[in-house]
PDB file of N, CA and C in Angstrom:
ATOM      1  N   MET A   1     -49.240 -63.125  56.245  1.00  0.00           N
ATOM      2  CA  MET A   1     -48.932 -63.597  54.916  1.00  0.00           C
ATOM      3  C   MET A   1     -48.535 -65.057  55.009  1.00  0.00           C
ATOM      4  N   SER A   2     -48.918 -65.802  54.001  1.00  0.00           N
ATOM      5  CA  SER A   2     -48.516 -67.199  53.944  1.00  0.00           C
ATOM      6  C   SER A   2     -48.107 -67.549  52.516  1.00  0.00           C
ATOM      7  N   ILE A   3     -47.276 -68.536  52.421  1.00  0.00           N
ATOM      8  CA  ILE A   3     -46.820 -69.023  51.126  1.00  0.00           C
ATOM      9  C   ILE A   3     -47.547 -70.331  50.857  1.00  0.00           C
ATOM     10  N   VAL A   4     -48.096 -70.458  49.665  1.00  0.00           N
ATOM     11  CA  VAL A   4     -48.826 -71.668  49.303  1.00  0.00           C
ATOM     12  C   VAL A   4     -48.210 -72.292  48.066  1.00  0.00           C
ATOM     13  N   GLU A   5     -48.366 -73.582  47.954  1.00  0.00           N
ATOM     14  CA  GLU A   5     -47.919 -74.277  46.753  1.00  0.00           C
ATOM     15  C   GLU A   5     -49.078 -74.358  45.785  1.00  0.00           C
ATOM     16  N   VAL A   6     -48.784 -74.206  44.534  1.00  0.00           N
ATOM     17  CA  VAL A   6     -49.795 -74.297  43.495  1.00  0.00           C
ATOM     18  C   VAL A   6     -49.552 -75.584  42.724  1.00  0.00           C
ATOM     19  N   GLU A   7     -50.611 -76.353  42.564  1.00  0.00           N
ATOM     20  CA  GLU A   7     -50.519 -77.608  41.838  1.00  0.00           C
ATOM     21  C   GLU A   7     -50.150 -77.351  40.375  1.00  0.00           C
ATOM     22  N   ARG A   8     -49.275 -78.153  39.868  1.00  0.00           N
ATOM     23  CA  ARG A   8     -48.875 -78.010  38.459  1.00  0.00           C
ATOM     24  C   ARG A   8     -49.885 -78.739  37.574  1.00  0.00           C
ATOM     25  N   SER A   9     -51.041 -78.158  37.502  1.00  0.00           N
ATOM     26  CA  SER A   9     -52.175 -78.709  36.762  1.00  0.00           C
ATOM     27  C   SER A   9     -52.029 -78.426  35.273  1.00  0.00           C
ATOM     28  N   ASN A  10     -53.011 -78.895  34.511  1.00  0.00           N
ATOM     29  CA  ASN A  10     -53.033 -78.588  33.079  1.00  0.00           C
ATOM     30  C   ASN A  10     -53.106 -77.081  32.858  1.00  0.00           C
ATOM     31  N   LEU A  11     -53.887 -76.391  33.701  1.00  0.00           N
ATOM     32  CA  LEU A  11     -53.982 -74.932  33.606  1.00  0.00           C
ATOM     33  C   LEU A  11     -52.620 -74.295  33.841  1.00  0.00           C
ATOM     34  N   PHE A  12     -51.904 -74.783  34.848  1.00  0.00           N
ATOM     35  CA  PHE A  12     -50.570 -74.265  35.153  1.00  0.00           C
ATOM     36  C   PHE A  12     -49.653 -74.412  33.939  1.00  0.00           C
ATOM     37  N   VAL A  13     -49.638 -75.591  33.354  1.00  0.00           N
ATOM     38  CA  VAL A  13     -48.770 -75.850  32.203  1.00  0.00           C
ATOM     39  C   VAL A  13     -49.147 -74.938  31.040  1.00  0.00           C
ATOM     40  N   GLU A  14     -50.450 -74.783  30.805  1.00  0.00           N
ATOM     41  CA  GLU A  14     -50.921 -73.914  29.717  1.00  0.00           C
ATOM     42  C   GLU A  14     -50.445 -72.477  29.913  1.00  0.00           C
ATOM     43  N   ILE A  15     -50.631 -71.953  31.108  1.00  0.00           N
ATOM     44  CA  ILE A  15     -50.287 -70.556  31.373  1.00  0.00           C
ATOM     45  C   ILE A  15     -48.774 -70.357  31.412  1.00  0.00           C
ATOM     46  N   PHE A  16     -48.052 -71.339  31.937  1.00  0.00           N
ATOM     47  CA  PHE A  16     -46.602 -71.217  32.078  1.00  0.00           C
ATOM     48  C   PHE A  16     -45.902 -71.085  30.730  1.00  0.00           C
ATOM     49  N   HIS A  17     -46.560 -71.482  29.664  1.00  0.00           N
ATOM     50  CA  HIS A  17     -45.991 -71.297  28.323  1.00  0.00           C
ATOM     51  C   HIS A  17     -45.999 -69.817  27.920  1.00  0.00           C
ATOM     52  N   GLU A  18     -46.835 -69.012  28.604  1.00  0.00           N
ATOM     53  CA  GLU A  18     -46.971 -67.602  28.250  1.00  0.00           C
ATOM     54  C   GLU A  18     -46.349 -66.650  29.264  1.00  0.00           C
ATOM     55  N   LEU A  19     -46.299 -67.068  30.531  1.00  0.00           N
ATOM     56  CA  LEU A  19     -45.901 -66.152  31.602  1.00  0.00           C
ATOM     57  C   LEU A  19     -44.799 -66.743  32.460  1.00  0.00           C
ATOM     58  N   ASP A  20     -44.270 -65.919  33.374  1.00  0.00           N
ATOM     59  CA  ASP A  20     -43.255 -66.430  34.287  1.00  0.00           C
ATOM     60  C   ASP A  20     -43.908 -67.209  35.427  1.00  0.00           C
ATOM     61  N   LEU A  21     -43.092 -67.824  36.245  1.00  0.00           N
ATOM     62  CA  LEU A  21     -43.566 -68.697  37.307  1.00  0.00           C
ATOM     63  C   LEU A  21     -44.483 -67.981  38.300  1.00  0.00           C
ATOM     64  N   GLY A  22     -44.095 -66.778  38.722  1.00  0.00           N
ATOM     65  CA  GLY A  22     -44.882 -66.048  39.711  1.00  0.00           C
ATOM     66  C   GLY A  22     -46.257 -65.668  39.207  1.00  0.00           C
ATOM     67  N   GLU A  23     -46.330 -65.138  38.009  1.00  0.00           N
ATOM     68  CA  GLU A  23     -47.626 -64.770  37.431  1.00  0.00           C
ATOM     69  C   GLU A  23     -48.484 -66.003  37.194  1.00  0.00           C
ATOM     70  N   THR A  24     -47.869 -67.072  36.710  1.00  0.00           N
ATOM     71  CA  THR A  24     -48.596 -68.317  36.477  1.00  0.00           C
ATOM     72  C   THR A  24     -49.189 -68.831  37.776  1.00  0.00           C
ATOM     73  N   ALA A  25     -48.386 -68.865  38.822  1.00  0.00           N
ATOM     74  CA  ALA A  25     -48.869 -69.362  40.116  1.00  0.00           C
ATOM     75  C   ALA A  25     -49.987 -68.482  40.669  1.00  0.00           C
ATOM     76  N   ALA A  26     -49.840 -67.164  40.554  1.00  0.00           N
ATOM     77  CA  ALA A  26     -50.867 -66.251  41.065  1.00  0.00           C
ATOM     78  C   ALA A  26     -52.196 -66.464  40.342  1.00  0.00           C
ATOM     79  N   ILE A  27     -52.148 -66.595  39.036  1.00  0.00           N
ATOM     80  CA  ILE A  27     -53.375 -66.781  38.258  1.00  0.00           C
ATOM     81  C   ILE A  27     -54.002 -68.135  38.565  1.00  0.00           C
ATOM     82  N   CYS A  28     -53.206 -69.185  38.610  1.00  0.00           N
ATOM     83  CA  CYS A  28     -53.748 -70.514  38.907  1.00  0.00           C
ATOM     84  C   CYS A  28     -54.373 -70.552  40.298  1.00  0.00           C
ATOM     85  N   TYR A  29     -53.708 -69.978  41.259  1.00  0.00           N
ATOM     86  CA  TYR A  29     -54.250 -69.943  42.621  1.00  0.00           C
ATOM     87  C   TYR A  29     -55.567 -69.172  42.645  1.00  0.00           C
ATOM     88  N   ALA A  30     -55.608 -68.042  41.966  1.00  0.00           N
ATOM     89  CA  ALA A  30     -56.827 -67.231  41.923  1.00  0.00           C
ATOM     90  C   ALA A  30     -57.972 -67.990  41.269  1.00  0.00           C
ATOM     91  N   VAL A  31     -57.693 -68.701  40.182  1.00  0.00           N
ATOM     92  CA  VAL A  31     -58.731 -69.482  39.506  1.00  0.00           C
ATOM     93  C   VAL A  31     -59.205 -70.616  40.413  1.00  0.00           C
ATOM     94  N   GLU A  32     -58.262 -71.351  41.004  1.00  0.00           N
ATOM     95  CA  GLU A  32     -58.601 -72.502  41.843  1.00  0.00           C
ATOM     96  C   GLU A  32     -59.395 -72.113  43.087  1.00  0.00           C
ATOM     97  N   HIS A  33     -59.170 -70.903  43.597  1.00  0.00           N
ATOM     98  CA  HIS A  33     -59.829 -70.464  44.827  1.00  0.00           C
ATOM     99  C   HIS A  33     -60.918 -69.425  44.574  1.00  0.00           C
ATOM    100  N   ASP A  34     -61.306 -69.276  43.324  1.00  0.00           N
ATOM    101  CA  ASP A  34     -62.381 -68.360  42.947  1.00  0.00           C
ATOM    102  C   ASP A  34     -62.174 -66.970  43.568  1.00  0.00           C
ATOM    103  N   ALA A  35     -60.979 -66.434  43.379  1.00  0.00           N
ATOM    104  CA  ALA A  35     -60.613 -65.141  43.962  1.00  0.00           C
ATOM    105  C   ALA A  35     -61.439 -64.007  43.375  1.00  0.00           C
ATOM    106  N   ASP A  36     -61.712 -63.010  44.196  1.00  0.00           N
ATOM    107  CA  ASP A  36     -62.429 -61.827  43.739  1.00  0.00           C
ATOM    108  C   ASP A  36     -61.536 -60.899  42.926  1.00  0.00           C
ATOM    109  N   LEU A  37     -60.232 -60.950  43.198  1.00  0.00           N
ATOM    110  CA  LEU A  37     -59.303 -60.006  42.603  1.00  0.00           C
ATOM    111  C   LEU A  37     -57.908 -60.604  42.610  1.00  0.00           C
ATOM    112  N   VAL A  38     -57.137 -60.328  41.561  1.00  0.00           N
ATOM    113  CA  VAL A  38     -55.748 -60.776  41.518  1.00  0.00           C
ATOM    114  C   VAL A  38     -54.875 -59.561  41.217  1.00  0.00           C
ATOM    115  N   LEU A  39     -53.736 -59.474  41.898  1.00  0.00           N
ATOM    116  CA  LEU A  39     -52.816 -58.352  41.765  1.00  0.00           C
ATOM    117  C   LEU A  39     -51.731 -58.696  40.758  1.00  0.00           C
ATOM    118  N   LEU A  40     -51.773 -58.024  39.602  1.00  0.00           N
ATOM    119  CA  LEU A  40     -50.786 -58.226  38.544  1.00  0.00           C
ATOM    120  C   LEU A  40     -50.501 -56.889  37.883  1.00  0.00           C
ATOM    121  N   ASP A  41     -49.246 -56.616  37.609  1.00  0.00           N
ATOM    122  CA  ASP A  41     -48.893 -55.357  36.955  1.00  0.00           C
ATOM    123  C   ASP A  41     -48.481 -55.519  35.503  1.00  0.00           C
ATOM    124  N   GLU A  42     -47.986 -56.677  35.138  1.00  0.00           N
ATOM    125  CA  GLU A  42     -47.523 -56.876  33.762  1.00  0.00           C
ATOM    126  C   GLU A  42     -48.690 -57.075  32.804  1.00  0.00           C
ATOM    127  N   ARG A  43     -48.597 -56.473  31.646  1.00  0.00           N
ATOM    128  CA  ARG A  43     -49.667 -56.514  30.640  1.00  0.00           C
ATOM    129  C   ARG A  43     -50.047 -57.938  30.237  1.00  0.00           C
ATOM    130  N   ASP A  44     -49.044 -58.784  29.973  1.00  0.00           N
ATOM    131  CA  ASP A  44     -49.349 -60.150  29.543  1.00  0.00           C
ATOM    132  C   ASP A  44     -50.065 -60.927  30.649  1.00  0.00           C
ATOM    133  N   GLY A  45     -49.631 -60.741  31.884  1.00  0.00           N
ATOM    134  CA  GLY A  45     -50.284 -61.409  33.005  1.00  0.00           C
ATOM    135  C   GLY A  45     -51.727 -60.977  33.155  1.00  0.00           C
ATOM    136  N   ARG A  46     -51.980 -59.689  32.999  1.00  0.00           N
ATOM    137  CA  ARG A  46     -53.353 -59.173  33.083  1.00  0.00           C
ATOM    138  C   ARG A  46     -54.222 -59.767  31.978  1.00  0.00           C
ATOM    139  N   ARG A  47     -53.671 -59.847  30.777  1.00  0.00           N
ATOM    140  CA  ARG A  47     -54.417 -60.396  29.640  1.00  0.00           C
ATOM    141  C   ARG A  47     -54.814 -61.848  29.907  1.00  0.00           C
ATOM    142  N   VAL A  48     -53.879 -62.643  30.370  1.00  0.00           N
ATOM    143  CA  VAL A  48     -54.157 -64.055  30.642  1.00  0.00           C
ATOM    144  C   VAL A  48     -55.160 -64.190  31.791  1.00  0.00           C
ATOM    145  N   ALA A  49     -55.005 -63.396  32.824  1.00  0.00           N
ATOM    146  CA  ALA A  49     -55.930 -63.457  33.958  1.00  0.00           C
ATOM    147  C   ALA A  49     -57.351 -63.124  33.518  1.00  0.00           C
ATOM    148  N   ARG A  50     -57.501 -62.092  32.724  1.00  0.00           N
ATOM    149  CA  ARG A  50     -58.831 -61.718  32.232  1.00  0.00           C
ATOM    150  C   ARG A  50     -59.418 -62.810  31.338  1.00  0.00           C
ATOM    151  N   ARG A  51     -58.568 -63.438  30.556  1.00  0.00           N
ATOM    152  CA  ARG A  51     -59.019 -64.543  29.699  1.00  0.00           C
ATOM    153  C   ARG A  51     -59.620 -65.673  30.536  1.00  0.00           C
ATOM    154  N   HIS A  52     -59.161 -65.786  31.771  1.00  0.00           N
ATOM    155  CA  HIS A  52     -59.666 -66.821  32.673  1.00  0.00           C
ATOM    156  C   HIS A  52     -60.726 -66.285  33.631  1.00  0.00           C
ATOM    157  N   GLY A  53     -61.290 -65.125  33.291  1.00  0.00           N
ATOM    158  CA  GLY A  53     -62.417 -64.588  34.039  1.00  0.00           C
ATOM    159  C   GLY A  53     -62.088 -63.911  35.351  1.00  0.00           C
ATOM    160  N   LEU A  54     -60.840 -63.523  35.532  1.00  0.00           N
ATOM    161  CA  LEU A  54     -60.432 -62.889  36.785  1.00  0.00           C
ATOM    162  C   LEU A  54     -60.483 -61.374  36.683  1.00  0.00           C
ATOM    163  N   GLU A  55     -60.855 -60.734  37.774  1.00  0.00           N
ATOM    164  CA  GLU A  55     -60.752 -59.280  37.870  1.00  0.00           C
ATOM    165  C   GLU A  55     -59.328 -58.967  38.311  1.00  0.00           C
ATOM    166  N   VAL A  56     -58.738 -57.953  37.698  1.00  0.00           N
ATOM    167  CA  VAL A  56     -57.324 -57.656  37.896  1.00  0.00           C
ATOM    168  C   VAL A  56     -57.144 -56.216  38.365  1.00  0.00           C
ATOM    169  N   THR A  57     -56.179 -56.026  39.248  1.00  0.00           N
ATOM    170  CA  THR A  57     -55.705 -54.691  39.587  1.00  0.00           C
ATOM    171  C   THR A  57     -54.192 -54.776  39.721  1.00  0.00           C
ATOM    172  N   GLY A  58     -53.578 -53.616  39.803  1.00  0.00           N
ATOM    173  CA  GLY A  58     -52.131 -53.573  39.978  1.00  0.00           C
ATOM    174  C   GLY A  58     -51.782 -52.765  41.215  1.00  0.00           C
ATOM    175  N   VAL A  59     -50.520 -52.519  41.391  1.00  0.00           N
ATOM    176  CA  VAL A  59     -50.052 -51.761  42.550  1.00  0.00           C
ATOM    177  C   VAL A  59     -50.728 -50.396  42.603  1.00  0.00           C
ATOM    178  N   ILE A  60     -50.823 -49.731  41.469  1.00  0.00           N
ATOM    179  CA  ILE A  60     -51.434 -48.397  41.458  1.00  0.00           C
ATOM    180  C   ILE A  60     -52.917 -48.486  41.824  1.00  0.00           C
ATOM    181  N   GLY A  61     -53.591 -49.524  41.378  1.00  0.00           N
ATOM    182  CA  GLY A  61     -54.991 -49.720  41.742  1.00  0.00           C
ATOM    183  C   GLY A  61     -55.166 -49.898  43.242  1.00  0.00           C
ATOM    184  N   ILE A  62     -54.265 -50.628  43.866  1.00  0.00           N
ATOM    185  CA  ILE A  62     -54.321 -50.824  45.324  1.00  0.00           C
ATOM    186  C   ILE A  62     -54.065 -49.489  46.025  1.00  0.00           C
ATOM    187  N   LEU A  63     -53.078 -48.740  45.544  1.00  0.00           N
ATOM    188  CA  LEU A  63     -52.789 -47.435  46.138  1.00  0.00           C
ATOM    189  C   LEU A  63     -53.971 -46.481  45.975  1.00  0.00           C
ATOM    190  N   LEU A  64     -54.632 -46.532  44.831  1.00  0.00           N
ATOM    191  CA  LEU A  64     -55.812 -45.685  44.608  1.00  0.00           C
ATOM    192  C   LEU A  64     -56.914 -45.996  45.621  1.00  0.00           C
ATOM    193  N   ARG A  65     -57.128 -47.267  45.880  1.00  0.00           N
ATOM    194  CA  ARG A  65     -58.137 -47.651  46.876  1.00  0.00           C
ATOM    195  C   ARG A  65     -57.800 -47.050  48.234  1.00  0.00           C
ATOM    196  N   GLY A  66     -56.533 -47.113  48.597  1.00  0.00           N
ATOM    197  CA  GLY A  66     -56.108 -46.538  49.873  1.00  0.00           C
ATOM    198  C   GLY A  66     -56.219 -45.029  49.900  1.00  0.00           C
ATOM    199  N   ALA A  67     -55.909 -44.401  48.783  1.00  0.00           N
ATOM    200  CA  ALA A  67     -55.971 -42.938  48.707  1.00  0.00           C
ATOM    201  C   ALA A  67     -57.413 -42.449  48.814  1.00  0.00           C
ATOM    202  N   LYS A  68     -58.341 -43.205  48.248  1.00  0.00           N
ATOM    203  CA  LYS A  68     -59.750 -42.796  48.283  1.00  0.00           C
ATOM    204  C   LYS A  68     -60.337 -42.868  49.686  1.00  0.00           C
ATOM    205  N   THR A  69     -59.694 -43.611  50.568  1.00  0.00           N
ATOM    206  CA  THR A  69     -60.143 -43.677  51.959  1.00  0.00           C
ATOM    207  C   THR A  69     -59.201 -42.897  52.877  1.00  0.00           C
ATOM    208  N   ASP A  70     -58.358 -42.058  52.280  1.00  0.00           N
ATOM    209  CA  ASP A  70     -57.392 -41.224  53.003  1.00  0.00           C
ATOM    210  C   ASP A  70     -56.392 -42.016  53.850  1.00  0.00           C
ATOM    211  N   GLU A  71     -56.117 -43.243  53.441  1.00  0.00           N
ATOM    212  CA  GLU A  71     -55.129 -44.060  54.146  1.00  0.00           C
ATOM    213  C   GLU A  71     -53.756 -43.983  53.478  1.00  0.00           C
ATOM    214  N   VAL A  72     -53.714 -43.437  52.262  1.00  0.00           N
ATOM    215  CA  VAL A  72     -52.477 -43.413  51.479  1.00  0.00           C
ATOM    216  C   VAL A  72     -52.309 -42.033  50.863  1.00  0.00           C
ATOM    217  N   ASP A  73     -51.092 -41.514  50.942  1.00  0.00           N
ATOM    218  CA  ASP A  73     -50.729 -40.293  50.226  1.00  0.00           C
ATOM    219  C   ASP A  73     -50.264 -40.744  48.840  1.00  0.00           C
ATOM    220  N   LEU A  74     -51.190 -40.712  47.876  1.00  0.00           N
ATOM    221  CA  LEU A  74     -50.929 -41.302  46.572  1.00  0.00           C
ATOM    222  C   LEU A  74     -49.724 -40.690  45.871  1.00  0.00           C
ATOM    223  N   GLU A  75     -49.629 -39.378  45.855  1.00  0.00           N
ATOM    224  CA  GLU A  75     -48.510 -38.741  45.157  1.00  0.00           C
ATOM    225  C   GLU A  75     -47.181 -39.186  45.763  1.00  0.00           C
ATOM    226  N   HIS A  76     -47.104 -39.234  47.071  1.00  0.00           N
ATOM    227  CA  HIS A  76     -45.882 -39.675  47.750  1.00  0.00           C
ATOM    228  C   HIS A  76     -45.529 -41.112  47.352  1.00  0.00           C
ATOM    229  N   GLU A  77     -46.539 -41.990  47.352  1.00  0.00           N
ATOM    230  CA  GLU A  77     -46.287 -43.403  47.033  1.00  0.00           C
ATOM    231  C   GLU A  77     -45.914 -43.601  45.567  1.00  0.00           C
ATOM    232  N   LEU A  78     -46.557 -42.866  44.668  1.00  0.00           N
ATOM    233  CA  LEU A  78     -46.191 -42.964  43.251  1.00  0.00           C
ATOM    234  C   LEU A  78     -44.761 -42.478  43.031  1.00  0.00           C
ATOM    235  N   ASP A  79     -44.394 -41.392  43.685  1.00  0.00           N
ATOM    236  CA  ASP A  79     -43.018 -40.887  43.584  1.00  0.00           C
ATOM    237  C   ASP A  79     -42.022 -41.912  44.120  1.00  0.00           C
ATOM    238  N   ALA A  80     -42.379 -42.559  45.234  1.00  0.00           N
ATOM    239  CA  ALA A  80     -41.495 -43.567  45.828  1.00  0.00           C
ATOM    240  C   ALA A  80     -41.327 -44.757  44.881  1.00  0.00           C
ATOM    241  N   LEU A  81     -42.401 -45.156  44.236  1.00  0.00           N
ATOM    242  CA  LEU A  81     -42.301 -46.251  43.266  1.00  0.00           C
ATOM    243  C   LEU A  81     -41.374 -45.873  42.113  1.00  0.00           C
ATOM    244  N   ARG A  82     -41.541 -44.670  41.607  1.00  0.00           N
ATOM    245  CA  ARG A  82     -40.679 -44.214  40.511  1.00  0.00           C
ATOM    246  C   ARG A  82     -39.212 -44.179  40.948  1.00  0.00           C
ATOM    247  N   GLU A  83     -38.969 -43.760  42.167  1.00  0.00           N
ATOM    248  CA  GLU A  83     -37.590 -43.664  42.664  1.00  0.00           C
ATOM    249  C   GLU A  83     -36.894 -45.011  42.715  1.00  0.00           C
ATOM    250  N   VAL A  84     -37.654 -46.088  42.928  1.00  0.00           N
ATOM    251  CA  VAL A  84     -37.035 -47.416  42.981  1.00  0.00           C
ATOM    252  C   VAL A  84     -37.094 -48.138  41.639  1.00  0.00           C
ATOM    253  N   GLY A  85     -37.514 -47.412  40.577  1.00  0.00           N
ATOM    254  CA  GLY A  85     -37.455 -47.973  39.239  1.00  0.00           C
ATOM    255  C   GLY A  85     -38.750 -48.552  38.699  1.00  0.00           C
ATOM    256  N   PHE A  86     -39.852 -48.392  39.413  1.00  0.00           N
ATOM    257  CA  PHE A  86     -41.151 -48.854  38.920  1.00  0.00           C
ATOM    258  C   PHE A  86     -41.605 -47.869  37.862  1.00  0.00           C
ATOM    259  N   TRP A  87     -41.817 -48.341  36.627  1.00  0.00           N
ATOM    260  CA  TRP A  87     -42.146 -47.432  35.544  1.00  0.00           C
ATOM    261  C   TRP A  87     -43.621 -47.060  35.593  1.00  0.00           C
ATOM    262  N   ILE A  88     -43.880 -45.761  35.652  1.00  0.00           N
ATOM    263  CA  ILE A  88     -45.239 -45.214  35.620  1.00  0.00           C
ATOM    264  C   ILE A  88     -45.213 -44.086  34.596  1.00  0.00           C
ATOM    265  N   SER A  89     -46.046 -44.209  33.561  1.00  0.00           N
ATOM    266  CA  SER A  89     -46.067 -43.148  32.552  1.00  0.00           C
ATOM    267  C   SER A  89     -46.593 -41.863  33.170  1.00  0.00           C
ATOM    268  N   ASP A  90     -46.228 -40.740  32.587  1.00  0.00           N
ATOM    269  CA  ASP A  90     -46.719 -39.453  33.084  1.00  0.00           C
ATOM    270  C   ASP A  90     -48.239 -39.387  32.995  1.00  0.00           C
ATOM    271  N   ASP A  91     -48.798 -39.970  31.934  1.00  0.00           N
ATOM    272  CA  ASP A  91     -50.247 -39.967  31.759  1.00  0.00           C
ATOM    273  C   ASP A  91     -50.932 -40.755  32.887  1.00  0.00           C
ATOM    274  N   LEU A  92     -50.434 -41.954  33.183  1.00  0.00           N
ATOM    275  CA  LEU A  92     -51.019 -42.762  34.251  1.00  0.00           C
ATOM    276  C   LEU A  92     -50.867 -42.063  35.599  1.00  0.00           C
ATOM    277  N   TYR A  93     -49.722 -41.477  35.836  1.00  0.00           N
ATOM    278  CA  TYR A  93     -49.459 -40.730  37.073  1.00  0.00           C
ATOM    279  C   TYR A  93     -50.514 -39.636  37.248  1.00  0.00           C
ATOM    280  N   SER A  94     -50.734 -38.844  36.199  1.00  0.00           N
ATOM    281  CA  SER A  94     -51.713 -37.762  36.254  1.00  0.00           C
ATOM    282  C   SER A  94     -53.131 -38.256  36.415  1.00  0.00           C
ATOM    283  N   ARG A  95     -53.481 -39.318  35.667  1.00  0.00           N
ATOM    284  CA  ARG A  95     -54.828 -39.876  35.765  1.00  0.00           C
ATOM    285  C   ARG A  95     -55.118 -40.418  37.163  1.00  0.00           C
ATOM    286  N   ALA A  96     -54.124 -41.075  37.771  1.00  0.00           N
ATOM    287  CA  ALA A  96     -54.308 -41.622  39.111  1.00  0.00           C
ATOM    288  C   ALA A  96     -54.568 -40.497  40.117  1.00  0.00           C
ATOM    289  N   LEU A  97     -53.760 -39.433  40.032  1.00  0.00           N
ATOM    290  CA  LEU A  97     -53.947 -38.312  40.959  1.00  0.00           C
ATOM    291  C   LEU A  97     -55.286 -37.622  40.741  1.00  0.00           C
ATOM    292  N   SER A  98     -55.702 -37.475  39.491  1.00  0.00           N
ATOM    293  CA  SER A  98     -56.981 -36.815  39.236  1.00  0.00           C
ATOM    294  C   SER A  98     -58.160 -37.686  39.672  1.00  0.00           C
ATOM    295  N   GLU A  99     -57.993 -38.998  39.623  1.00  0.00           N
ATOM    296  CA  GLU A  99     -59.073 -39.879  40.061  1.00  0.00           C
ATOM    297  C   GLU A  99     -59.327 -39.747  41.560  1.00  0.00           C
ATOM    298  N   VAL A 100     -58.290 -39.520  42.316  1.00  0.00           N
ATOM    299  CA  VAL A 100     -58.450 -39.337  43.762  1.00  0.00           C
ATOM    300  C   VAL A 100     -59.159 -38.014  44.057  1.00  0.00           C
ATOM    301  N   ASP A 101     -58.909 -37.016  43.232  1.00  0.00           N
ATOM    302  CA  ASP A 101     -59.497 -35.694  43.436  1.00  0.00           C
ATOM    303  C   ASP A 101     -60.983 -35.637  43.075  1.00  0.00           C
ATOM    304  N   GLU A 102     -61.479 -36.638  42.352  1.00  0.00           N
ATOM    305  CA  GLU A 102     -62.891 -36.624  41.921  1.00  0.00           C
ATOM    306  C   GLU A 102     -63.845 -36.863  43.066  1.00  0.00           C
TER     307      GLU A 102
END
């Protein structure tokens, strides 16, 4: 893992009016480096990222990818996220588990 600085460009200033610093930096970095995917969980961040042509996934999407290759016990990880306060609706929880079973 490495930490990078993101230039405070016009894009940065535009996005920072809508989102927090971390989401703004992630989106700007993804746009500047033509990223294939950006990891964002907040609804507003996802909306802005998509507006800028980025493909978005969240923590659950990453866990689903791992579960589909049998590298992750999805139910265990979703329960662990809930235990530390990560909000997951019952519907999303069920849909994620059923997607792995398909």
